[in-house]
Protein backbone atom coordinates (compact mmCIF):
# COMPACT_ATOMS: atom_id res chain seq x y z
CA MET A 1 123.12 118.05 129.30
CA LYS A 2 123.66 114.80 127.19
CA LYS A 3 120.51 113.40 128.75
CA VAL A 4 118.39 116.46 127.75
CA ILE A 5 119.71 116.52 124.08
CA LEU A 6 119.07 112.60 124.04
CA ALA A 7 115.53 112.64 125.41
CA THR A 8 114.84 115.48 122.79
CA PHE A 9 116.29 113.37 120.08
CA ILE A 10 114.19 110.30 121.12
CA GLY A 11 110.89 112.40 121.33
CA LEU A 12 111.36 113.80 117.95
CA LEU A 13 112.27 110.25 116.32
CA ALA A 14 108.81 109.12 118.19
CA ALA A 15 106.93 112.17 116.61
CA CYS A 16 107.96 111.07 113.10
CA SER A 17 106.54 107.45 113.40
CA ASN A 18 103.59 106.51 111.18
CA GLU A 19 102.75 104.35 114.20
CA ALA A 20 101.49 107.43 116.31
CA ASN A 21 98.75 107.52 114.08
CA LEU A 22 97.95 103.80 114.46
CA TYR A 23 94.36 103.18 116.21
CA VAL A 24 93.95 99.37 116.87
CA ASP A 25 90.25 98.91 117.72
CA SER A 26 89.49 96.67 120.57
CA THR A 27 86.73 95.22 118.53
CA SER A 28 86.46 93.75 115.34
CA GLU A 29 84.43 91.99 112.83
CA ILE A 30 84.29 88.52 111.68
CA LYS A 31 82.87 87.91 108.42
CA VAL A 32 82.02 85.58 105.68
CA VAL A 33 82.74 86.73 101.85
CA LYS A 34 82.80 85.25 98.61
CA VAL A 35 85.51 86.02 96.50
CA GLY A 36 85.36 85.81 92.67
CA SER A 37 87.53 83.58 90.25
CA GLU A 38 89.59 86.62 88.76
CA LEU A 39 91.43 89.53 89.37
CA VAL A 40 90.06 92.81 87.43
CA ASP A 41 91.27 95.96 86.63
CA CYS A 42 90.66 99.02 88.91
CA VAL A 43 92.19 102.39 89.92
CA GLY A 44 92.89 103.08 93.65
CA VAL A 45 96.14 105.42 94.13
CA GLY A 46 97.10 104.22 90.32
CA PRO A 47 95.92 101.27 88.12
CA MET A 48 96.06 97.79 89.82
CA LYS A 49 94.19 94.47 90.26
CA CYS A 50 91.42 94.12 92.39
CA LEU A 51 89.45 91.25 94.03
CA VAL A 52 86.07 90.83 93.58
CA VAL A 53 84.47 90.17 96.96
CA ASP A 54 81.01 89.92 97.55
CA GLY A 55 80.37 91.05 94.12
CA SER A 56 82.04 94.42 94.42
CA LEU A 57 85.83 95.64 93.65
CA PHE A 58 88.01 94.93 96.86
CA TYR A 59 90.78 97.48 96.84
CA ASP A 60 92.56 96.00 100.31
CA GLY A 61 94.59 92.95 100.62
CA ILE A 62 93.66 90.11 102.80
CA GLN A 63 96.53 88.80 105.10
CA GLY A 64 97.53 85.38 105.00
CA PHE A 65 95.48 84.65 101.94
CA SER A 66 97.00 83.71 98.72
CA PHE A 67 94.82 84.24 95.95
CA GLU A 68 94.53 81.59 93.04
CA GLU A 69 93.06 82.77 89.81
CA GLY A 70 90.27 80.25 88.39
CA TYR A 71 89.34 79.28 91.60
CA GLU A 72 86.38 81.02 93.92
CA TYR A 73 86.78 81.15 97.60
CA GLU A 74 84.24 81.45 100.49
CA LEU A 75 86.38 82.95 103.63
CA GLU A 76 86.05 83.76 107.14
CA ILE A 77 88.00 87.21 107.59
CA GLU A 78 88.41 89.13 110.24
CA LYS A 79 88.27 93.14 109.83
CA ALA A 80 89.83 95.43 112.33
CA LYS A 81 89.77 98.99 112.43
CA LEU A 82 93.21 100.43 112.49
CA TYR A 83 92.79 104.26 112.03
CA THR A 84 90.13 106.93 112.95
CA GLU A 85 88.45 108.91 110.32
CA GLU A 86 91.20 111.77 111.36
CA THR A 87 94.24 109.72 111.51
CA VAL A 88 94.00 107.52 108.41
CA PRO A 89 96.84 108.32 105.65
CA ALA A 90 95.65 109.44 102.34
CA ASP A 91 96.78 106.04 100.54
CA ALA A 92 95.46 103.74 103.38
CA SER A 93 92.45 101.94 103.97
CA LEU A 94 90.78 102.29 107.67
CA TYR A 95 90.70 98.43 108.22
CA ARG A 96 92.95 95.71 108.20
CA TYR A 97 91.56 92.02 106.82
CA SER A 98 92.80 88.83 107.86
CA LEU A 99 92.30 85.47 107.03
CA LEU A 100 90.61 83.27 109.66
CA LYS A 101 89.71 80.21 107.51
CA ILE A 102 88.93 79.22 103.90
CA LEU A 103 85.51 77.57 103.96
CA THR A 104 85.51 76.57 100.42
CA LYS A 105 87.86 76.72 97.47
CA GLU A 106 85.88 75.56 93.88
CA LYS A 107 87.59 75.41 90.47
CA VAL A 108 85.62 77.54 87.81
CA GLU A 109 85.57 76.47 84.44
CA HIS A 110 85.07 79.31 81.91
């Protein structure tokens, strides 16, 4: 009886995990992007500051990248799909972005 209760409890805990919705695509995309020199005001779940990547607001972070204001960057990044359209949480991105290499970092004079 104890084993049945324990197995049920473990099953319930596993069902509550957010990881159950996690979908890691076996393919990822390697991209080269340009990051602007300033963070800009934007609104996601609430007001926040966003990077400007390839001229557009970028609401996600880039794992392993520490932005320093006043510098423009060219980065090699990996874009990996984490969720399907059906399983993505309301406040999450479908993708995870990871820094592979900083190709250039140039000081911008304003």
